[in-house]
Amino acid sequence: MPKIQKIYSEYGLDFDNNRYGFGHSTEIEYDDGSEKRNHEHIKIKNIQARYVRIWVGKIVFIIDSDKPHFSLRKKKRWNFKIVYGISGL
């Protein structure tokens, strides 16, 4: 069974993962590269970073407490989300 590598917990406006837009989602990344996304609240005991992610169209702007503090990414699919998140184990 794969081990948990990182947990991401996000709150905010996210039409991709929340039926009515606002809500919470959790993504678990495993060491084998697989991922699992759900809406359960999983407590992150060792917080490694806090971030704000703004995704408009295919562009994602990220403000992160971890380095790099500001980043811009391009995605293949279109989405709209504004979320606050924490990551860690």
Protein backbone atom coordinates (compact mmCIF):
# COMPACT_ATOMS: atom_id res chain seq x y z
CA MET A 1 0.00 0.00 0.00
CA PRO A 2 1.41 3.43 -0.96
CA LYS A 3 2.41 5.90 1.76
CA ILE A 4 0.96 9.41 2.02
CA GLN A 5 3.43 11.93 0.64
CA LYS A 6 1.42 15.15 1.12
CA ILE A 7 -2.08 16.35 2.03
CA TYR A 8 -3.68 19.48 0.56
CA SER A 9 -6.74 20.96 2.22
CA GLU A 10 -8.49 23.80 0.34
CA TYR A 11 -11.37 26.13 1.25
CA GLY A 12 -13.08 28.62 -1.03
CA LEU A 13 -14.70 29.09 -4.41
CA ASP A 14 -14.09 26.00 -6.50
CA PHE A 15 -16.69 24.91 -9.06
CA ASP A 16 -14.53 21.97 -10.09
CA ASN A 17 -14.72 20.19 -6.73
CA ASN A 18 -17.75 21.72 -4.97
CA ARG A 19 -21.24 21.38 -6.38
CA TYR A 20 -22.41 24.83 -5.24
CA GLY A 21 -19.08 26.63 -5.61
CA PHE A 22 -18.05 27.31 -2.01
CA GLY A 23 -16.73 24.53 0.12
CA HIS A 24 -13.85 22.37 1.20
CA SER A 25 -11.88 19.66 -0.55
CA THR A 26 -8.91 17.51 0.41
CA GLU A 27 -6.38 15.92 -1.91
CA ILE A 28 -3.99 13.21 -0.76
CA GLU A 29 -0.85 12.54 -2.80
CA TYR A 30 0.83 9.16 -2.43
CA ASP A 31 4.50 8.28 -2.98
CA ASP A 32 3.60 6.17 -6.03
CA GLY A 33 2.24 9.28 -7.81
CA SER A 34 -1.44 8.49 -7.33
CA GLU A 35 -3.90 11.01 -5.88
CA LYS A 36 -7.24 10.86 -4.09
CA ARG A 37 -9.60 13.83 -3.74
CA ASN A 38 -12.55 13.95 -1.36
CA HIS A 39 -14.53 16.26 0.90
CA GLU A 40 -13.56 14.72 4.24
CA HIS A 41 -11.80 16.88 6.82
CA ILE A 42 -8.38 15.36 7.43
CA LYS A 43 -6.29 16.97 10.14
CA ILE A 44 -2.86 18.05 8.94
CA LYS A 45 -0.54 17.65 11.91
CA ASN A 46 2.63 19.03 10.30
CA ILE A 47 1.70 22.11 8.22
CA GLN A 48 4.42 22.80 5.66
CA ALA A 49 2.84 25.67 3.70
CA ARG A 50 -0.17 27.95 3.38
CA TYR A 51 -1.22 29.29 -0.01
CA VAL A 52 -3.79 31.19 -2.02
CA ARG A 53 -4.52 29.86 -5.48
CA ILE A 54 -6.34 31.92 -8.10
CA TRP A 55 -7.18 29.95 -11.24
CA VAL A 56 -8.78 31.82 -14.15
CA GLY A 57 -9.08 30.04 -17.46
CA LYS A 58 -5.86 28.11 -18.00
CA ILE A 59 -3.67 30.37 -15.83
CA VAL A 60 -3.04 29.72 -12.10
CA PHE A 61 -1.47 32.39 -9.87
CA ILE A 62 -0.18 31.06 -6.54
CA ILE A 63 0.90 33.02 -3.47
CA ASP A 64 2.66 30.55 -1.16
CA SER A 65 4.34 30.70 2.26
CA ASP A 66 6.86 28.16 0.93
CA LYS A 67 9.35 28.97 -1.83
CA PRO A 68 8.76 30.14 -4.48
CA HIS A 69 6.45 32.65 -2.80
CA PHE A 70 4.83 33.71 -6.08
CA SER A 71 4.35 31.49 -9.10
CA LEU A 72 2.36 31.42 -12.30
CA ARG A 73 1.42 28.12 -13.93
CA LYS A 74 -0.35 27.18 -17.14
CA LYS A 75 -2.79 24.27 -17.14
CA LYS A 76 -4.24 22.24 -20.01
CA ARG A 77 -7.85 22.54 -18.87
CA TRP A 78 -10.06 25.56 -18.13
CA ASN A 79 -11.27 26.26 -14.58
CA PHE A 80 -12.18 29.05 -12.17
CA LYS A 81 -11.29 28.88 -8.51
CA ILE A 82 -10.15 31.10 -5.67
CA VAL A 83 -9.05 29.02 -2.68
CA TYR A 84 -7.05 29.23 0.52
CA GLY A 85 -5.13 26.06 1.26
CA ILE A 86 -2.76 24.36 3.63
CA SER A 87 -0.40 21.52 2.82
CA GLY A 88 1.62 19.10 4.88
CA LEU A 89 1.33 15.71 6.55
